[in-house]
């Protein structure tokens, strides 16, 4: 007999999701600064997207494995929490080592070491993310899912705001240097990664110690499952080929809602990948007036010295990208507060679609902000002088932030009710394919598109991102949503 799953208080939901704040803090630092770090270490514009392929590939490999393992894990620490904690420790290690790539030059090329640490961080972030998603699904009853995923989105965006803005703060408030010679990493970025690793570990430990996962007997009762049948099925030892065969069967027989959401995910994550990789060179060129040749390592190597004006412009633009990323995360955090109520009142599909449309229009509008006239801006914590066009770019970030909040919450809220409770973890891992595949596609082709079609003018590839996000918005209307599944047979 199925028992009624208890309602959670707001602060219980908060504690379940709190570790997301730190994980996203680290992820935001990576998103806003990896292109900057890799460029400083010697990567060119064409190869940036290839380096960024590490992230989706790690997600593709790690999340289904971790999801399947966490579905079968019950120990003293918990079901999902052991993986969350292990991922946080590994991510923190990568964040401490990443900006120190030049120190290992005697053993390995700094750019290669940086790529290795990027792989470690991304693998670790994915080890954290998937069990966190499943933990929310495990702990939050169906009628509170909109609220649960909205709180998760809020915390993610709080972490993203602070993580994105941190290098700027360390430069303009603390006074650390934000410029770097070729082959080195700016001190402000290095210390930002150190602080990010600390916050990541602290927030994950908060969730681990403040959240008590349900015992197996209670969990299965809440989900309408027979514990004896589930335990018997999970106790069967399968060969690797059998496990792979079962995995591919799950992929082929995934719920229709997941297949339909995959189309939306493809277009939206294709856009996000482009934004993360190319916003820095795009605004450095489009707003600060730095020509594409200054991103070419071969050209830089032909010079005895890079002009100070170029280094200053790159440093200032890199810092401002942190402000822009913090802005869209802040707008996303505010939107997350009302997202659940809007979804309850108007429906998830409508709110999801409108949000993505606003994000697509935001990307496209980047093209129209090119005013190079300098203006002094008061950011409360400090004042900074930047081109007027850079300040105006905060406006498109409203749309991008609204889209980001919806992307973080709506697909999972729409999907959770369509999944069998005993396979939530592995299905959430499989669903990560819909995040990883579009990023891999963007990574493989965006560099070629940038060089062959747009002549290395990165602003135009952001316009392509806008078109893709609009296609994602239109695709939402083809999703058939399910509210809840309580038995394994109802999964499809």
Protein backbone atom coordinates (compact mmCIF):
# COMPACT_ATOMS: atom_id res chain seq x y z
CA UNK A 1 0.00 0.00 0.00
CA UNK A 2 1.37 3.40 -0.97
CA UNK A 3 1.97 5.80 1.89
CA UNK A 4 1.62 9.55 1.54
CA UNK A 5 5.01 11.22 1.28
CA UNK A 6 5.36 13.92 3.96
CA UNK A 7 5.36 17.58 2.98
CA UNK A 8 8.63 19.42 3.55
CA UNK A 9 8.97 22.83 5.10
CA UNK A 10 10.57 25.58 3.05
CA UNK A 11 13.81 25.27 5.02
CA UNK A 12 13.90 21.50 4.60
CA UNK A 13 13.66 22.01 0.84
CA UNK A 14 16.35 24.70 1.17
CA UNK A 15 18.70 22.32 3.04
CA UNK A 16 18.19 19.55 0.46
CA UNK A 17 19.28 21.90 -2.33
CA UNK A 18 21.81 24.11 -0.52
CA UNK A 19 24.87 22.29 -1.86
CA UNK A 20 23.81 23.39 -5.34
CA UNK A 21 24.89 26.91 -4.34
CA UNK A 22 28.52 25.85 -3.96
CA UNK A 23 28.58 23.53 -6.95
CA UNK A 24 27.19 26.29 -9.14
CA UNK A 25 29.62 28.77 -7.56
CA UNK A 26 32.45 26.64 -8.94
CA UNK A 27 30.65 26.04 -12.22
CA UNK A 28 30.09 29.79 -12.68
CA UNK A 29 33.77 30.52 -12.08
CA UNK A 30 34.59 27.94 -14.72
CA UNK A 31 32.06 29.27 -17.24
CA UNK A 32 33.13 32.90 -16.89
CA UNK A 33 36.89 32.30 -16.79
CA UNK A 34 37.93 29.09 -18.55
CA UNK A 35 38.03 30.68 -22.01
CA UNK A 36 40.06 33.51 -20.49
CA UNK A 37 42.44 31.09 -18.72
CA UNK A 38 42.91 28.84 -21.76
CA UNK A 39 43.50 31.86 -24.01
CA UNK A 40 46.14 33.15 -21.61
CA UNK A 41 47.72 29.68 -21.57
CA UNK A 42 47.93 29.65 -25.39
CA UNK A 43 44.63 28.43 -26.90
CA UNK A 44 43.28 30.16 -30.04
CA UNK A 45 39.64 31.03 -30.81
CA UNK A 46 39.13 28.02 -33.07
CA UNK A 47 40.26 25.52 -30.43
CA UNK A 48 38.41 27.06 -27.47
CA UNK A 49 35.21 25.20 -28.30
CA UNK A 50 37.17 21.95 -28.59
CA UNK A 51 38.67 22.39 -25.12
CA UNK A 52 35.18 23.04 -23.80
CA UNK A 53 34.09 19.67 -25.17
CA UNK A 54 35.58 18.17 -22.02
CA UNK A 55 32.54 19.34 -20.06
CA UNK A 56 29.74 17.59 -21.97
CA UNK A 57 31.85 14.49 -22.58
CA UNK A 58 32.43 14.14 -18.85
CA UNK A 59 28.71 14.58 -18.27
CA UNK A 60 27.90 11.99 -20.92
CA UNK A 61 30.20 9.43 -19.33
CA UNK A 62 29.78 10.19 -15.65
CA UNK A 63 26.15 11.04 -14.98
CA UNK A 64 24.46 7.81 -16.16
CA UNK A 65 27.03 5.72 -14.25
CA UNK A 66 26.63 7.76 -11.09
CA UNK A 67 22.85 7.79 -11.51
CA UNK A 68 22.67 4.01 -11.80
CA UNK A 69 25.05 3.54 -8.86
CA UNK A 70 23.14 5.95 -6.62
CA UNK A 71 19.86 4.14 -7.39
CA UNK A 72 21.40 0.99 -5.89
CA UNK A 73 23.22 2.60 -2.96
CA UNK A 74 21.92 2.58 0.62
CA UNK A 75 24.50 3.06 3.37
CA UNK A 76 25.09 5.01 6.58
CA UNK A 77 25.80 8.25 4.71
CA UNK A 78 22.72 7.93 2.52
CA UNK A 79 21.68 7.09 -1.00
CA UNK A 80 22.71 10.14 -3.03
CA UNK A 81 24.87 11.95 -0.47
CA UNK A 82 28.01 9.75 -0.79
CA UNK A 83 28.34 10.70 -4.46
CA UNK A 84 27.60 14.37 -3.82
CA UNK A 85 30.34 14.52 -1.20
CA UNK A 86 32.91 12.64 -3.30
CA UNK A 87 32.24 14.89 -6.30
CA UNK A 88 32.64 18.02 -4.19
CA UNK A 89 36.05 16.93 -2.88
CA UNK A 90 37.30 16.15 -6.40
CA UNK A 91 35.93 19.42 -7.81
CA UNK A 92 37.62 21.44 -5.08
CA UNK A 93 40.94 19.74 -5.86
CA UNK A 94 40.61 20.63 -9.55
CA UNK A 95 39.75 24.24 -8.68
CA UNK A 96 42.84 24.57 -6.50
CA UNK A 97 45.12 23.15 -9.22
CA UNK A 98 43.61 24.68 -12.39
CA UNK A 99 45.03 28.23 -12.07
CA UNK A 100 48.42 26.82 -11.08
CA UNK A 101 49.06 25.21 -14.47
CA UNK A 102 52.21 27.36 -15.07
CA UNK A 103 53.82 25.83 -11.95
CA UNK A 104 53.85 22.42 -13.64
CA UNK A 105 55.59 23.61 -16.81
CA UNK A 106 58.64 21.43 -16.02
CA UNK A 107 56.45 18.33 -16.27
CA UNK A 108 53.68 19.20 -18.70
CA UNK A 109 52.63 21.98 -21.10
CA UNK A 110 50.50 24.45 -19.07
CA UNK A 111 47.64 24.44 -21.60
CA UNK A 112 47.48 20.63 -21.48
CA UNK A 113 47.55 20.66 -17.68
CA UNK A 114 44.75 23.22 -17.72
CA UNK A 115 42.70 20.94 -19.99
CA UNK A 116 43.29 18.03 -17.61
CA UNK A 117 42.10 20.05 -14.62
CA UNK A 118 39.09 21.19 -16.64
CA UNK A 119 38.28 17.51 -17.21
CA UNK A 120 38.67 16.76 -13.50
CA UNK A 121 36.44 19.67 -12.48
CA UNK A 122 33.77 18.80 -14.99
CA UNK A 123 33.75 15.13 -14.08
CA UNK A 124 33.45 16.11 -10.41
CA UNK A 125 30.71 18.70 -11.05
CA UNK A 126 28.75 16.00 -12.87
CA UNK A 127 29.23 13.55 -10.01
CA UNK A 128 27.63 16.22 -7.79
CA UNK A 129 24.89 17.46 -10.12
CA UNK A 130 23.15 14.22 -11.01
CA UNK A 131 22.68 12.89 -7.45
CA UNK A 132 21.56 16.37 -6.36
CA UNK A 133 18.83 16.35 -9.01
CA UNK A 134 17.78 12.85 -7.94
CA UNK A 135 17.90 13.86 -4.25
CA UNK A 136 15.35 16.61 -4.86
CA UNK A 137 13.15 14.15 -6.73
CA UNK A 138 13.52 11.62 -3.89
CA UNK A 139 12.78 13.99 -1.03
CA UNK A 140 10.20 16.43 -2.41
CA UNK A 141 6.61 15.13 -2.87
CA UNK A 142 4.97 15.64 -6.30
CA UNK A 143 2.76 18.52 -5.20
CA UNK A 144 5.84 20.46 -4.03
CA UNK A 145 8.04 19.80 -7.07
CA UNK A 146 7.55 23.22 -8.64
CA UNK A 147 8.62 24.78 -5.34
CA UNK A 148 11.50 22.29 -4.91
CA UNK A 149 13.03 22.91 -8.31
CA UNK A 150 12.45 26.66 -7.99
CA UNK A 151 14.37 26.74 -4.69
CA UNK A 152 17.07 24.70 -6.38
CA UNK A 153 17.17 27.22 -9.24
CA UNK A 154 17.31 30.12 -6.75
CA UNK A 155 20.30 28.64 -4.92
CA UNK A 156 22.06 27.77 -8.15
CA UNK A 157 21.75 31.36 -9.29
CA UNK A 158 22.87 32.86 -5.99
CA UNK A 159 26.01 30.76 -6.30
CA UNK A 160 26.38 31.77 -9.94
CA UNK A 161 26.08 35.50 -9.16
CA UNK A 162 28.80 35.44 -6.52
CA UNK A 163 31.03 33.07 -8.49
CA UNK A 164 30.77 35.11 -11.68
CA UNK A 165 31.49 38.46 -10.06
CA UNK A 166 34.28 37.28 -7.76
CA UNK A 167 37.31 37.99 -10.04
CA UNK A 168 35.93 41.49 -10.70
CA UNK A 169 35.56 42.09 -6.94
CA UNK A 170 39.06 40.82 -6.23
CA UNK A 171 40.43 43.25 -8.81
CA UNK A 172 38.36 46.37 -8.20
CA UNK A 173 37.74 46.07 -4.47
CA UNK A 174 40.61 43.99 -3.08
CA UNK A 175 43.17 45.28 -5.60
CA UNK A 176 44.52 42.06 -7.13
CA UNK A 177 45.97 42.25 -10.65
CA UNK A 178 43.59 41.17 -13.45
CA UNK A 179 46.05 41.03 -16.35
CA UNK A 180 48.24 38.08 -17.28
CA UNK A 181 51.13 37.51 -19.63
CA UNK A 182 50.87 34.71 -22.19
CA UNK A 183 51.33 31.41 -20.37
CA UNK A 184 50.18 32.73 -16.97
CA UNK A 185 46.89 33.19 -15.08
CA UNK A 186 45.80 36.51 -13.56
CA UNK A 187 46.10 36.62 -9.73
CA UNK A 188 42.47 37.71 -9.35
CA UNK A 189 41.32 34.59 -11.20
CA UNK A 190 43.65 32.33 -9.21
CA UNK A 191 42.32 33.53 -5.84
CA UNK A 192 38.75 33.38 -7.09
CA UNK A 193 39.21 29.68 -7.78
CA UNK A 194 40.67 29.13 -4.30
CA UNK A 195 37.68 30.81 -2.67
CA UNK A 196 35.26 28.98 -4.95
CA UNK A 197 36.66 25.60 -3.91
CA UNK A 198 36.17 26.52 -0.26
CA UNK A 199 32.56 27.61 -0.76
CA UNK A 200 31.80 24.49 -2.77
CA UNK A 201 32.97 22.16 -0.02
CA UNK A 202 31.23 24.13 2.72
CA UNK A 203 27.81 24.20 1.05
CA UNK A 204 27.90 20.52 0.12
CA UNK A 205 28.77 19.60 3.70
CA UNK A 206 25.76 21.65 4.83
CA UNK A 207 23.41 19.51 2.70
CA UNK A 208 25.12 16.28 3.72
CA UNK A 209 24.78 17.01 7.45
CA UNK A 210 21.40 18.78 7.39
CA UNK A 211 19.47 16.35 5.15
CA UNK A 212 18.39 12.89 6.24
CA UNK A 213 17.44 10.70 3.33
CA UNK A 214 14.51 8.30 3.68
CA UNK A 215 15.20 4.74 4.74
CA UNK A 216 14.67 2.21 1.92
CA UNK A 217 11.44 0.86 3.44
CA UNK A 218 9.89 4.34 3.72
CA UNK A 219 11.16 5.50 0.32
CA UNK A 220 9.64 2.55 -1.53
CA UNK A 221 6.37 2.95 0.38
CA UNK A 222 6.16 6.64 -0.58
CA UNK A 223 6.80 5.78 -4.23
CA UNK A 224 4.31 2.89 -4.35
CA UNK A 225 6.94 0.20 -4.91
CA UNK A 226 7.30 -3.24 -3.38
CA UNK A 227 10.69 -3.20 -1.59
CA UNK A 228 11.15 -6.96 -1.88
CA UNK A 229 10.71 -6.89 -5.66
CA UNK A 230 13.06 -3.92 -6.07
CA UNK A 231 15.73 -5.35 -3.76
CA UNK A 232 15.53 -8.73 -5.49
CA UNK A 233 15.91 -7.11 -8.91
CA UNK A 234 18.85 -4.99 -7.77
CA UNK A 235 20.61 -7.94 -6.12
CA UNK A 236 20.93 -9.83 -9.41
CA UNK A 237 24.54 -9.74 -10.58
CA UNK A 238 24.81 -8.87 -14.25
CA UNK A 239 27.75 -9.00 -16.61
CA UNK A 240 29.05 -5.84 -18.25
CA UNK A 241 27.39 -6.75 -21.56
CA UNK A 242 24.08 -7.35 -19.77
CA UNK A 243 24.35 -4.01 -17.98
CA UNK A 244 25.08 -2.22 -21.24
CA UNK A 245 22.18 -4.01 -22.92
CA UNK A 246 19.81 -3.00 -20.10
CA UNK A 247 21.10 0.56 -20.26
CA UNK A 248 20.44 0.85 -23.99
CA UNK A 249 16.99 -0.65 -23.49
CA UNK A 250 16.25 2.10 -20.99
CA UNK A 251 17.45 4.70 -23.50
CA UNK A 252 15.28 3.24 -26.27
CA UNK A 253 12.20 2.93 -24.03
CA UNK A 254 12.56 6.25 -22.23
CA UNK A 255 9.32 8.05 -21.36
CA UNK A 256 7.90 10.06 -24.26
CA UNK A 257 8.13 13.23 -22.19
CA UNK A 258 11.89 12.77 -22.00
CA UNK A 259 12.19 12.28 -25.76
CA UNK A 260 10.15 15.42 -26.45
CA UNK A 261 12.09 17.47 -23.91
CA UNK A 262 15.30 16.30 -25.60
CA UNK A 263 14.51 18.48 -28.63
CA UNK A 264 14.02 21.54 -26.41
CA UNK A 265 17.19 20.71 -24.53
CA UNK A 266 19.21 20.39 -27.74
CA UNK A 267 18.47 23.89 -28.96
CA UNK A 268 18.70 25.56 -25.53
CA UNK A 269 21.99 23.93 -24.48
CA UNK A 270 23.51 24.51 -27.92
CA UNK A 271 22.92 28.21 -27.22
CA UNK A 272 24.27 28.13 -23.68
CA UNK A 273 27.49 26.41 -24.77
CA UNK A 274 28.15 29.11 -27.36
CA UNK A 275 27.50 31.83 -24.79
CA UNK A 276 29.90 30.37 -22.24
CA UNK A 277 32.68 29.81 -24.78
CA UNK A 278 32.45 32.97 -26.87
CA UNK A 279 31.04 35.83 -24.77
CA UNK A 280 34.52 36.92 -23.69
CA UNK A 281 36.04 37.21 -27.20
CA UNK A 282 32.73 38.55 -28.55
CA UNK A 283 32.51 41.57 -26.27
CA UNK A 284 36.29 42.10 -26.29
CA UNK A 285 36.05 42.51 -30.06
CA UNK A 286 32.62 44.11 -30.38
CA UNK A 287 32.69 46.51 -27.42
CA UNK A 288 36.37 47.05 -26.57
CA UNK A 289 37.43 47.10 -30.24
CA UNK A 290 40.15 44.44 -29.99
CA UNK A 291 40.71 42.91 -33.42
CA UNK A 292 40.43 39.11 -33.87
CA UNK A 293 44.16 38.86 -34.63
CA UNK A 294 44.90 39.53 -30.94
CA UNK A 295 43.33 36.14 -30.15
CA UNK A 296 45.64 34.30 -32.54
CA UNK A 297 48.57 32.62 -30.68
CA UNK A 298 50.64 32.48 -33.89
CA UNK A 299 50.33 36.23 -34.35
CA UNK A 300 51.10 36.89 -30.69
CA UNK A 301 54.16 34.64 -30.90
CA UNK A 302 55.48 36.74 -33.80
CA UNK A 303 55.61 39.83 -31.57
CA UNK A 304 58.31 40.65 -29.08
CA UNK A 305 55.70 42.06 -26.73
CA UNK A 306 51.91 42.40 -26.62
CA UNK A 307 50.92 46.07 -26.27
CA UNK A 308 49.77 47.03 -22.79
CA UNK A 309 46.55 48.48 -24.22
CA UNK A 310 45.56 45.05 -25.56
CA UNK A 311 46.31 43.32 -22.26
CA UNK A 312 44.30 45.95 -20.37
CA UNK A 313 41.36 45.67 -22.77
CA UNK A 314 41.34 41.88 -22.51
CA UNK A 315 41.53 42.02 -18.72
CA UNK A 316 38.73 44.59 -18.48
CA UNK A 317 36.50 42.68 -20.90
CA UNK A 318 37.17 39.43 -19.06
CA UNK A 319 36.15 41.03 -15.77
CA UNK A 320 33.02 42.51 -17.36
CA UNK A 321 31.97 39.08 -18.63
CA UNK A 322 31.90 38.11 -14.96
CA UNK A 323 29.56 41.04 -14.31
CA UNK A 324 27.31 40.04 -17.21
CA UNK A 325 27.20 36.41 -16.12
CA UNK A 326 26.48 37.53 -12.57
CA UNK A 327 23.70 39.77 -13.94
CA UNK A 328 21.92 36.97 -15.80
CA UNK A 329 22.29 34.73 -12.74
CA UNK A 330 20.88 37.48 -10.52
CA UNK A 331 17.92 38.00 -12.83
CA UNK A 332 17.46 34.22 -12.88
CA UNK A 333 17.49 34.13 -9.08
CA UNK A 334 14.77 36.79 -8.90
CA UNK A 335 12.72 35.02 -11.54
CA UNK A 336 13.11 31.73 -9.67
CA UNK A 337 11.22 33.25 -6.74
CA UNK A 338 8.06 33.64 -8.84
CA UNK A 339 8.68 30.79 -11.30
CA UNK A 340 6.75 28.16 -9.35
CA UNK A 341 3.71 30.42 -8.92
CA UNK A 342 3.72 31.36 -12.59
CA UNK A 343 4.03 27.71 -13.61
CA UNK A 344 1.18 26.73 -11.29
CA UNK A 345 -1.06 29.51 -12.61
CA UNK A 346 -0.30 29.50 -16.35
CA UNK A 347 1.19 26.05 -16.87
CA UNK A 348 4.80 24.91 -17.13
CA UNK A 349 4.85 24.73 -20.91
CA UNK A 350 3.76 28.33 -21.50
CA UNK A 351 6.13 29.79 -18.92
CA UNK A 352 8.99 27.60 -20.17
CA UNK A 353 8.43 28.62 -23.79
CA UNK A 354 8.11 32.34 -23.11
CA UNK A 355 11.24 32.24 -20.95
CA UNK A 356 13.30 30.65 -23.72
CA UNK A 357 11.97 33.14 -26.26
CA UNK A 358 13.13 36.04 -24.08
CA UNK A 359 16.57 34.44 -23.81
CA UNK A 360 16.86 34.08 -27.59
CA UNK A 361 15.92 37.72 -28.16
CA UNK A 362 18.48 38.69 -25.52
CA UNK A 363 21.31 36.98 -27.41
CA UNK A 364 20.35 38.55 -30.72
CA UNK A 365 20.21 42.03 -29.19
CA UNK A 366 23.95 41.83 -28.34
CA UNK A 367 24.59 42.97 -31.89
CA UNK A 368 23.04 46.39 -31.25
CA UNK A 369 25.20 47.44 -28.29
CA UNK A 370 28.50 48.69 -29.66
CA UNK A 371 28.88 52.16 -28.12
CA UNK A 372 32.58 52.56 -27.19
CA UNK A 373 32.12 55.85 -25.31
CA UNK A 374 33.49 55.44 -21.79
CA UNK A 375 31.19 55.84 -18.80
CA UNK A 376 31.78 55.48 -15.06
CA UNK A 377 29.45 52.99 -13.41
CA UNK A 378 28.71 52.72 -9.69
CA UNK A 379 28.36 49.03 -8.81
CA UNK A 380 27.85 49.77 -5.08
CA UNK A 381 30.98 47.84 -4.13
CA UNK A 382 33.15 49.95 -6.43
CA UNK A 383 33.15 52.26 -9.45
CA UNK A 384 34.48 51.19 -12.81
CA UNK A 385 34.95 52.94 -16.16
CA UNK A 386 33.85 50.85 -19.14
CA UNK A 387 32.37 51.42 -22.62
CA UNK A 388 28.69 52.41 -22.66
CA UNK A 389 27.93 49.40 -24.86
CA UNK A 390 29.23 47.10 -22.15
CA UNK A 391 26.88 48.63 -19.58
CA UNK A 392 23.93 48.36 -21.95
CA UNK A 393 24.57 44.63 -22.35
CA UNK A 394 23.04 44.16 -18.90
CA UNK A 395 19.62 44.65 -20.54
CA UNK A 396 19.81 41.51 -22.71
CA UNK A 397 20.92 39.61 -19.62
CA UNK A 398 17.39 39.99 -18.22
CA UNK A 399 16.08 37.72 -20.97
CA UNK A 400 19.05 35.37 -20.71
CA UNK A 401 18.53 35.12 -16.93
CA UNK A 402 14.84 34.33 -17.28
CA UNK A 403 15.68 31.60 -19.80
CA UNK A 404 18.41 30.19 -17.56
CA UNK A 405 16.08 29.98 -14.54
CA UNK A 406 13.52 28.10 -16.60
CA UNK A 407 16.14 25.75 -18.08
CA UNK A 408 17.33 24.84 -14.59
CA UNK A 409 13.87 24.08 -13.23
CA UNK A 410 11.15 23.42 -15.81
CA UNK A 411 12.54 20.37 -17.67
CA UNK A 412 13.13 18.53 -14.39
CA UNK A 413 9.76 19.51 -12.94
CA UNK A 414 8.07 18.30 -16.15
CA UNK A 415 10.14 15.13 -16.28
CA UNK A 416 10.09 14.01 -12.63
CA UNK A 417 6.48 12.84 -12.72
CA UNK A 418 7.11 10.67 -15.78
CA UNK A 419 9.91 8.60 -14.22
CA UNK A 420 9.70 5.31 -12.27
CA UNK A 421 10.80 5.92 -8.69
CA UNK A 422 13.26 3.01 -8.58
CA UNK A 423 15.10 4.31 -11.65
CA UNK A 424 14.98 8.06 -11.11
CA UNK A 425 18.75 8.32 -10.73
CA UNK A 426 19.67 6.49 -13.92
CA UNK A 427 16.98 8.25 -15.93
CA UNK A 428 18.18 11.62 -14.67
CA UNK A 429 21.64 10.52 -15.79
CA UNK A 430 20.32 9.51 -19.21
CA UNK A 431 18.52 12.83 -19.43
CA UNK A 432 21.93 14.46 -19.14
CA UNK A 433 22.53 13.16 -22.68
CA UNK A 434 20.14 15.92 -23.75
CA UNK A 435 22.52 18.42 -22.17
CA UNK A 436 25.80 16.83 -23.28
CA UNK A 437 24.98 16.01 -26.92
CA UNK A 438 24.05 19.57 -27.99
CA UNK A 439 27.18 20.90 -26.29
CA UNK A 440 29.31 18.34 -28.10
CA UNK A 441 27.68 19.38 -31.37
CA UNK A 442 28.36 23.04 -30.58
CA UNK A 443 31.93 22.26 -29.58
CA UNK A 444 32.65 20.37 -32.80
CA UNK A 445 31.11 22.88 -35.19
CA UNK A 446 31.06 26.32 -33.58
CA UNK A 447 34.80 26.89 -34.01
CA UNK A 448 34.54 26.02 -37.69
CA UNK A 449 31.47 28.25 -38.09
CA UNK A 450 33.27 31.12 -36.36
CA UNK A 451 36.34 30.94 -38.61
CA UNK A 452 34.80 29.87 -41.92
CA UNK A 453 31.54 31.82 -41.90
CA UNK A 454 32.02 34.68 -39.47
CA UNK A 455 35.74 35.37 -40.12
CA UNK A 456 36.53 35.10 -36.38
CA UNK A 457 34.10 37.88 -35.41
CA UNK A 458 32.65 36.22 -32.35
CA UNK A 459 29.62 38.50 -31.96
CA UNK A 460 27.88 36.75 -34.85
CA UNK A 461 28.05 33.34 -33.26
CA UNK A 462 26.09 34.77 -30.33
CA UNK A 463 23.38 35.68 -32.84
CA UNK A 464 23.36 32.02 -33.89
CA UNK A 465 22.87 31.14 -30.22
CA UNK A 466 19.82 33.43 -30.15
CA UNK A 467 18.24 31.71 -33.15
CA UNK A 468 18.81 28.33 -31.52
CA UNK A 469 17.16 29.45 -28.27
CA UNK A 470 14.09 30.66 -30.19
CA UNK A 471 13.82 27.21 -31.81
CA UNK A 472 13.95 25.73 -28.30
CA UNK A 473 11.06 27.98 -27.29
CA UNK A 474 8.91 26.78 -30.17
CA UNK A 475 9.76 23.13 -29.44
CA UNK A 476 8.25 23.30 -25.95
CA UNK A 477 4.73 23.18 -27.36
CA UNK A 478 5.37 19.67 -28.71
CA UNK A 479 6.06 18.27 -25.22
CA UNK A 480 3.34 16.08 -23.70
CA UNK A 481 3.57 16.46 -19.95
CA UNK A 482 2.80 13.85 -17.31
CA UNK A 483 2.06 14.79 -13.72
CA UNK A 484 3.05 11.73 -11.73
CA UNK A 485 4.02 8.09 -12.06
CA UNK A 486 3.79 5.81 -9.06
CA UNK A 487 4.47 2.39 -10.59
CA UNK A 488 7.18 1.06 -12.84
CA UNK A 489 4.67 0.05 -15.55
CA UNK A 490 3.48 3.64 -15.93
CA UNK A 491 6.94 4.97 -16.83
CA UNK A 492 6.40 4.87 -20.58
